[in-house]
Amino acid sequence: MTTVFDAGIIGGGLGGLTLAIQLAKKGHKVILFEKEKYPFHKVCGEYVSMESRNFLMRCGLKLDEMNLPVINRLNITAPNGNSISHNLTQGGFGISRYTLDALLVEQAITHGVIIKELCKVSEVIYTINDFIIHTSAGVFTSKFAFGSYGKRSNLDVKLKRKFILKKQKGAQNYIGVKYHIKTDHDANLIALHNFKNGYCGISKIEEGKYCLCYLTTEQNLKESGNDIKKMEQNILYKNPHLRKIFEEATFLYEVPLVISQINFEPKTQIENHIIMLGDAAGLITPLCGNGMSMAMRAADMLATLMPENNNEENMNMFESAYQLAWKNEFALRLKAGRIIQNMFGAELPTNVFISVLKPFPLFVQLLVQLTHGKPF
């Protein structure tokens, strides 16, 4: 007899894993599909806002026992080296995605979640009362389907999502590049260093390591002959703070992790009745440093809102309730993120903007508050 799962979750990042854990703790049968093999590194900053700390502990993580770095100061530099600093009222903590995801996988398995690793989902078909999920590991049935697969996927193309179609018409695309390094840098400081058409974040994680991750345009890479090292030397090094980091740090990866074809176009939260969360539902710019907490907060919403049974009435109510909750919680954050994104990156405007901000710390505090939420 075919097992019908209560929830089929496509993508096992923070949103997918924390949703799986919560639903399983409530007694639901959950299956999660992840195309990679745990644990693995991901291209992202590894500063986690304190707003989600209690939530992660409710998911079973013993963060108090891990001696993780607490980050409560922010430094932003312009391409010319000018800088502003600010104390973070709420702040965050540092932990690598490699470690964080591995801990969440352990909790998911403990609570009975079926995890299919190295498993690609090719199609999801809605059939009124359930979903048929076609994967490289076989065909599965679930009452509800959730998309938590990150910034872009073959499913986005299959679903003909608007942001994918717009991207194909020439919208600006970005690349993300990430390293783990050893360096001399304040443990409680997250720094965001701007350069021409991009910015780079650095903050401490576990085991004395630092996450160094930057976002820039595909055009920057193309103009450097698609050579990342050459691009770093020609463009990033013009910011003296970045030059110092790159020249003095010990790099722990043989080659950097790279992700391409990133864009920040608005997304919809429902596609053919598949409920999206995390970056699949809407991507906040990395400069704002809060995408991980947003993914987990959406998972918390969904675990609360999901009905016991899938029928047309329940599905419509569920979708409407989630879209409203999502909009109330995230719409302003995403809009603020896009505005902030436009303020930074272009060399001359960024230099000017940092100079203008310097005498007005309260405005810096407002920008931080606009992209963060309250603890949940």
Protein backbone atom coordinates (compact mmCIF):
# COMPACT_ATOMS: atom_id res chain seq x y z
CA MET A 1 0.00 0.00 0.00
CA THR A 2 1.35 3.43 -0.97
CA THR A 3 2.21 5.69 1.97
CA VAL A 4 0.49 9.06 1.79
CA PHE A 5 2.55 11.64 3.64
CA ASP A 6 0.97 14.62 5.32
CA ALA A 7 3.71 16.90 4.00
CA GLY A 8 6.18 16.63 1.15
CA ILE A 9 8.97 19.21 1.48
CA ILE A 10 11.14 19.98 -1.53
CA GLY A 11 14.47 21.32 -0.38
CA GLY A 12 16.23 20.74 2.92
CA GLY A 13 17.64 24.10 3.89
CA LEU A 14 16.74 25.93 7.08
CA GLY A 15 13.11 26.53 6.11
CA GLY A 16 12.53 22.98 4.94
CA LEU A 17 14.28 21.28 7.87
CA THR A 18 12.68 23.39 10.60
CA LEU A 19 9.24 22.97 9.01
CA ALA A 20 9.79 19.20 8.85
CA ILE A 21 10.82 19.06 12.52
CA GLN A 22 7.83 21.06 13.72
CA LEU A 23 5.31 19.09 11.68
CA ALA A 24 6.82 15.77 12.77
CA LYS A 25 6.68 16.84 16.42
CA LYS A 26 2.95 17.42 15.92
CA GLY A 27 2.53 13.85 14.71
CA HIS A 28 2.48 14.44 10.94
CA LYS A 29 4.10 12.04 8.48
CA VAL A 30 6.74 14.10 6.70
CA ILE A 31 9.05 13.38 3.78
CA LEU A 32 11.80 15.78 2.71
CA PHE A 33 13.71 15.74 -0.58
CA GLU A 34 17.24 17.18 -0.77
CA LYS A 35 19.33 17.11 -3.94
CA GLU A 36 22.64 17.16 -2.01
CA LYS A 37 24.20 14.86 0.59
CA TYR A 38 24.28 16.16 4.17
CA PRO A 39 26.27 17.84 5.53
CA PHE A 40 27.46 20.26 2.86
CA HIS A 41 28.54 23.88 2.55
CA LYS A 42 26.28 26.53 1.05
CA VAL A 43 26.93 29.95 -0.43
CA CYS A 44 25.49 32.29 2.18
CA GLY A 45 26.51 34.53 5.02
CA GLU A 46 26.54 32.69 8.33
CA TYR A 47 25.28 35.38 10.68
CA VAL A 48 21.97 34.29 12.23
CA SER A 49 19.78 36.97 13.77
CA MET A 50 18.94 36.52 17.45
CA GLU A 51 15.27 36.69 16.50
CA SER A 52 15.42 32.98 15.58
CA ARG A 53 17.64 31.70 18.41
CA ASN A 54 14.77 30.58 20.68
CA PHE A 55 13.04 28.99 17.71
CA LEU A 56 16.11 26.89 16.89
CA MET A 57 16.31 25.79 20.50
CA ARG A 58 12.64 24.74 20.34
CA CYS A 59 13.64 22.65 17.33
CA GLY A 60 16.04 20.77 19.60
CA LEU A 61 19.37 22.55 19.08
CA LYS A 62 21.42 23.08 22.24
CA LEU A 63 22.89 26.41 21.19
CA ASP A 64 23.71 27.41 24.78
CA GLU A 65 26.20 24.55 24.96
CA MET A 66 28.03 25.39 21.72
CA ASN A 67 29.96 28.53 22.72
CA LEU A 68 29.08 30.25 19.46
CA PRO A 69 30.32 33.80 18.79
CA VAL A 70 27.80 36.52 19.66
CA ILE A 71 27.80 39.33 17.12
CA ASN A 72 26.62 42.72 18.33
CA ARG A 73 28.51 45.27 16.24
CA LEU A 74 28.19 46.30 12.60
CA ASN A 75 30.78 47.99 10.40
CA ILE A 76 30.04 49.12 6.83
CA THR A 77 32.76 50.40 4.51
CA ALA A 78 32.59 52.18 1.16
CA PRO A 79 34.77 51.23 -1.82
CA ASN A 80 37.10 54.12 -0.93
CA GLY A 81 37.60 52.72 2.59
CA ASN A 82 35.42 55.23 4.45
CA SER A 83 33.36 53.47 7.14
CA ILE A 84 30.54 53.71 9.65
CA SER A 85 30.01 51.55 12.74
CA HIS A 86 26.92 50.75 14.75
CA ASN A 87 25.99 48.67 17.79
CA LEU A 88 23.37 46.03 17.01
CA THR A 89 20.59 46.10 19.60
CA GLN A 90 19.41 42.57 18.86
CA GLY A 91 22.46 41.22 17.07
CA GLY A 92 23.05 37.64 16.11
CA PHE A 93 25.37 34.66 16.39
CA GLY A 94 27.73 32.92 14.03
CA ILE A 95 27.45 29.30 12.91
CA SER A 96 28.27 27.64 9.60
CA ARG A 97 25.49 26.19 7.48
CA TYR A 98 27.50 22.96 7.40
CA THR A 99 27.11 22.61 11.17
CA LEU A 100 23.64 24.10 11.49
CA ASP A 101 22.05 21.97 8.79
CA ALA A 102 23.70 18.81 10.16
CA LEU A 103 22.24 19.48 13.62
CA LEU A 104 18.77 20.06 12.16
CA VAL A 105 18.96 16.88 10.07
CA GLU A 106 19.75 14.94 13.24
CA GLN A 107 16.69 16.40 14.94
CA ALA A 108 14.48 15.72 11.91
CA ILE A 109 15.48 12.06 11.80
CA THR A 110 15.01 11.76 15.56
CA HIS A 111 11.42 12.94 15.16
CA GLY A 112 10.66 10.52 12.33
CA VAL A 113 11.09 12.65 9.21
CA ILE A 114 11.91 10.59 6.12
CA ILE A 115 14.81 12.32 4.35
CA LYS A 116 15.67 11.46 0.75
CA GLU A 117 19.18 12.74 0.03
CA LEU A 118 20.75 13.05 -3.44
CA CYS A 119 17.18 13.21 -4.65
CA LYS A 120 16.03 15.61 -7.36
CA VAL A 121 12.39 16.53 -7.75
CA SER A 122 11.37 16.81 -11.40
CA GLU A 123 7.65 17.54 -11.14
CA VAL A 124 4.87 18.14 -8.62
CA ILE A 125 1.31 17.50 -9.72
CA TYR A 126 -1.70 18.74 -7.74
CA THR A 127 -4.69 16.39 -7.91
CA ILE A 128 -7.35 18.19 -5.80
CA ASN A 129 -6.82 16.19 -2.59
CA ASP A 130 -3.11 15.46 -2.76
CA PHE A 131 0.17 16.02 -4.57
CA ILE A 132 2.09 13.54 -6.73
CA ILE A 133 5.80 14.24 -6.38
CA HIS A 134 8.05 12.81 -9.10
CA THR A 135 11.66 12.39 -7.99
CA SER A 136 14.85 10.58 -8.92
CA ALA A 137 14.08 8.20 -6.01
CA GLY A 138 10.56 7.38 -7.19
CA VAL A 139 7.05 8.81 -7.03
CA PHE A 140 5.57 9.92 -3.70
CA THR A 141 2.18 11.20 -2.55
CA SER A 142 1.52 13.85 0.06
CA LYS A 143 -1.49 15.84 1.25
CA PHE A 144 0.46 19.11 1.12
CA ALA A 145 3.57 20.17 -0.79
CA PHE A 146 6.08 22.82 0.25
CA GLY A 147 8.82 24.40 -1.84
CA SER A 148 11.90 25.28 0.20
CA TYR A 149 14.54 24.77 -2.45
CA GLY A 150 16.35 28.09 -2.41
CA LYS A 151 16.91 30.86 -4.91
CA ARG A 152 16.06 28.98 -8.10
CA SER A 153 15.30 25.46 -9.27
CA ASN A 154 14.28 23.47 -12.31
CA LEU A 155 10.83 23.46 -10.70
CA ASP A 156 10.66 27.23 -11.11
CA VAL A 157 11.08 26.73 -14.85
CA LYS A 158 8.55 23.90 -14.86
CA LEU A 159 6.03 26.09 -13.02
CA LYS A 160 6.76 29.05 -15.35
CA ARG A 161 7.22 31.38 -12.43
CA LYS A 162 7.21 35.05 -13.41
CA PHE A 163 10.62 35.89 -11.96
CA ILE A 164 12.20 33.18 -14.10
CA LEU A 165 10.56 34.49 -17.27
CA LYS A 166 11.63 38.04 -16.42
CA LYS A 167 15.19 36.88 -15.79
CA GLN A 168 15.30 35.34 -19.24
CA LYS A 169 14.41 38.76 -20.70
CA GLY A 170 17.61 40.32 -19.38
CA ALA A 171 17.08 41.25 -15.73
CA GLN A 172 20.25 41.86 -13.71
CA ASN A 173 21.80 38.65 -12.36
CA TYR A 174 24.31 38.20 -9.57
CA ILE A 175 26.84 35.65 -8.39
CA GLY A 176 27.63 34.69 -4.81
CA VAL A 177 31.12 33.60 -3.70
CA LYS A 178 31.99 32.16 -0.29
CA TYR A 179 35.12 31.17 1.64
CA HIS A 180 35.92 30.02 5.15
CA ILE A 181 39.06 31.69 6.42
CA LYS A 182 41.27 32.19 9.48
CA THR A 183 42.07 35.84 10.11
CA ASP A 184 42.50 38.55 12.74
CA HIS A 185 39.03 40.09 13.04
CA ASP A 186 36.90 41.12 16.00
CA ALA A 187 34.78 38.14 17.07
CA ASN A 188 31.70 40.23 17.86
CA LEU A 189 31.76 42.26 14.62
CA ILE A 190 30.02 41.69 11.31
CA ALA A 191 31.56 43.84 8.59
CA LEU A 192 30.06 44.64 5.19
CA HIS A 193 32.67 45.92 2.73
CA ASN A 194 31.39 47.52 -0.46
CA PHE A 195 33.15 47.50 -3.81
CA LYS A 196 32.18 48.30 -7.39
CA ASN A 197 28.85 46.54 -8.06
CA GLY A 198 28.98 44.38 -4.97
CA TYR A 199 29.63 43.91 -1.27
CA CYS A 200 31.39 41.37 0.94
CA GLY A 201 30.47 40.27 4.47
CA ILE A 202 32.76 38.79 7.08
CA SER A 203 31.78 37.41 10.50
CA LYS A 204 32.99 34.76 12.90
CA ILE A 205 31.54 31.24 13.06
CA GLU A 206 32.49 28.20 15.12
CA GLU A 207 36.00 26.78 15.68
CA GLY A 208 37.76 30.12 15.27
CA LYS A 209 36.80 30.35 11.59
CA TYR A 210 35.26 33.23 9.69
CA CYS A 211 32.74 33.25 6.88
CA LEU A 212 33.77 35.53 3.99
CA CYS A 213 30.98 35.81 1.45
CA TYR A 214 30.34 38.33 -1.30
CA LEU A 215 27.76 39.19 -3.92
CA THR A 216 28.52 40.86 -7.22
CA THR A 217 27.19 41.09 -10.74
CA GLU A 218 27.77 38.49 -13.41
CA GLN A 219 29.00 41.39 -15.52
CA ASN A 220 31.89 42.00 -13.10
CA LEU A 221 33.00 38.41 -13.51
CA LYS A 222 32.60 38.52 -17.28
CA GLU A 223 34.75 41.64 -17.51
CA SER A 224 37.45 39.79 -15.57
CA GLY A 225 37.52 36.94 -18.08
CA ASN A 226 35.34 34.74 -15.83
CA ASP A 227 38.35 34.48 -13.50
CA ILE A 228 37.27 34.89 -9.86
CA LYS A 229 40.78 35.52 -8.53
CA LYS A 230 41.39 38.15 -11.19
CA MET A 231 38.05 39.81 -10.41
CA GLU A 232 38.94 39.93 -6.70
CA GLN A 233 42.30 41.52 -7.42
CA ASN A 234 40.98 44.00 -9.98
CA ILE A 235 37.78 45.06 -8.19
CA LEU A 236 37.47 43.92 -4.55
CA TYR A 237 41.04 44.93 -3.67
CA LYS A 238 40.21 48.58 -4.41
CA ASN A 239 38.50 48.60 -1.02
CA PRO A 240 41.55 48.70 1.32
CA HIS A 241 39.73 46.69 4.00
CA LEU A 242 39.06 43.85 1.57
CA ARG A 243 42.57 43.97 0.19
CA LYS A 244 43.95 43.50 3.70
CA ILE A 245 41.62 40.54 4.38
CA PHE A 246 42.38 38.76 1.12
CA GLU A 247 46.14 39.29 1.37
CA GLU A 248 46.54 38.34 5.03
CA ALA A 249 43.91 35.63 5.69
CA THR A 250 44.44 31.89 5.54
CA PHE A 251 41.88 30.44 3.12
CA LEU A 252 40.47 27.07 4.18
CA TYR A 253 38.83 26.10 0.86
CA GLU A 254 40.96 25.01 -2.09
CA VAL A 255 38.49 26.82 -4.33
CA PRO A 256 35.57 29.07 -3.34
CA LEU A 257 31.95 28.01 -3.39
CA VAL A 258 30.09 29.83 -6.15
CA ILE A 259 26.43 30.22 -7.04
CA SER A 260 25.20 32.07 -10.13
CA GLN A 261 22.00 33.42 -11.69
CA ILE A 262 20.77 35.10 -8.49
CA ASN A 263 18.15 37.81 -8.88
CA PHE A 264 15.97 39.76 -6.50
CA GLU A 265 12.73 39.99 -8.45
CA PRO A 266 9.56 39.63 -6.33
CA LYS A 267 8.14 36.10 -6.10
CA THR A 268 4.78 34.58 -5.33
CA GLN A 269 4.26 32.44 -2.25
CA ILE A 270 1.89 29.95 -3.91
CA GLU A 271 2.46 28.19 -7.24
CA ASN A 272 -0.08 25.59 -8.35
CA HIS A 273 -0.96 25.10 -4.66
CA ILE A 274 2.67 24.41 -3.71
CA ILE A 275 3.43 26.53 -0.63
CA MET A 276 6.76 28.35 -0.93
CA LEU A 277 9.01 29.45 1.91
CA GLY A 278 12.51 30.81 2.32
CA ASP A 279 14.26 32.09 -0.79
CA ALA A 280 11.75 30.21 -2.96
CA ALA A 281 9.06 32.61 -1.65
CA GLY A 282 11.05 35.84 -1.75
CA LEU A 283 14.75 36.67 -1.57
CA ILE A 284 16.01 39.45 0.69
CA THR A 285 19.31 40.95 -0.37
CA PRO A 286 22.30 39.39 1.43
CA LEU A 287 23.40 42.86 2.52
CA CYS A 288 20.48 42.77 4.98
CA GLY A 289 21.81 39.56 6.52
CA ASN A 290 18.50 38.06 7.56
CA GLY A 291 17.34 35.55 4.94
CA MET A 292 17.91 32.55 7.22
CA SER A 293 15.71 33.90 10.00
CA MET A 294 13.01 34.77 7.47
CA ALA A 295 13.01 31.19 6.18
CA MET A 296 12.64 29.81 9.69
CA ARG A 297 9.92 32.28 10.62
CA ALA A 298 7.94 31.21 7.53
CA ALA A 299 8.35 27.59 8.62
CA ASP A 300 6.98 28.50 12.03
CA MET A 301 3.96 30.16 10.39
CA LEU A 302 3.25 27.16 8.19
CA ALA A 303 3.52 24.64 11.02
CA THR A 304 0.88 26.63 12.88
CA LEU A 305 -1.44 27.18 9.92
CA MET A 306 -1.38 23.79 8.16
CA PRO A 307 -4.76 22.01 8.45
CA GLU A 308 -5.15 18.32 9.18
CA ASN A 309 -6.76 17.45 5.85
CA ASN A 310 -6.44 18.67 2.30
CA ASN A 311 -9.73 19.47 0.63
CA GLU A 312 -10.55 22.43 -1.58
CA GLU A 313 -11.96 24.55 1.25
CA ASN A 314 -9.08 23.82 3.62
CA MET A 315 -6.51 24.45 0.90
CA ASN A 316 -7.99 27.81 -0.02
CA MET A 317 -8.16 28.90 3.63
CA PHE A 318 -4.60 27.70 4.26
CA GLU A 319 -3.20 29.51 1.23
CA SER A 320 -5.02 32.76 2.05
CA ALA A 321 -3.95 32.69 5.69
CA TYR A 322 -0.30 32.04 4.80
CA GLN A 323 -0.18 34.72 2.11
CA LEU A 324 -1.60 37.26 4.52
CA ALA A 325 0.77 36.28 7.34
CA TRP A 326 3.73 36.27 4.93
CA LYS A 327 2.85 39.70 3.56
CA ASN A 328 2.36 41.19 7.02
CA GLU A 329 5.69 39.83 8.23
CA PHE A 330 7.96 40.15 5.20
CA ALA A 331 6.65 42.57 2.57
CA LEU A 332 8.22 45.63 4.22
CA ARG A 333 11.49 43.77 4.86
CA LEU A 334 11.85 42.76 1.23
CA LYS A 335 10.99 46.24 -0.01
CA ALA A 336 13.50 47.78 2.39
CA GLY A 337 16.08 45.24 1.28
CA ARG A 338 15.67 46.16 -2.37
CA ILE A 339 15.94 49.87 -1.52
CA ILE A 340 19.11 49.27 0.51
CA GLN A 341 20.49 47.12 -2.31
CA ASN A 342 20.07 50.08 -4.68
CA MET A 343 21.85 52.41 -2.27
CA PHE A 344 24.98 50.28 -2.32
CA GLY A 345 27.13 48.74 -5.04
CA ALA A 346 27.62 51.59 -7.53
CA GLU A 347 31.02 52.98 -6.56
CA LEU A 348 30.49 56.75 -6.37
CA PRO A 349 26.95 56.66 -4.85
CA THR A 350 28.12 54.21 -2.18
CA ASN A 351 31.07 56.41 -1.24
CA VAL A 352 28.72 59.39 -0.95
CA PHE A 353 26.02 57.45 0.91
CA ILE A 354 28.45 56.20 3.57
CA SER A 355 29.74 59.75 4.07
CA VAL A 356 26.19 61.08 4.44
CA LEU A 357 25.19 58.30 6.87
CA LYS A 358 28.15 58.75 9.18
CA PRO A 359 26.72 61.65 11.26
CA PHE A 360 23.30 59.96 11.56
CA PRO A 361 23.58 56.71 13.56
CA LEU A 362 19.84 56.66 14.19
CA PHE A 363 19.24 56.30 10.46
CA VAL A 364 21.60 53.32 10.36
CA GLN A 365 19.65 51.80 13.25
CA LEU A 366 16.40 52.34 11.33
CA LEU A 367 17.78 50.50 8.28
CA VAL A 368 18.76 47.55 10.47
CA GLN A 369 15.35 47.47 12.16
CA LEU A 370 13.53 47.53 8.81
CA THR A 371 15.19 44.26 7.78
CA HIS A 372 14.86 42.37 11.08
CA GLY A 373 11.93 41.08 13.07
CA LYS A 374 11.13 40.42 16.70
CA PRO A 375 12.11 37.13 18.41
CA PHE A 376 9.70 34.26 17.82
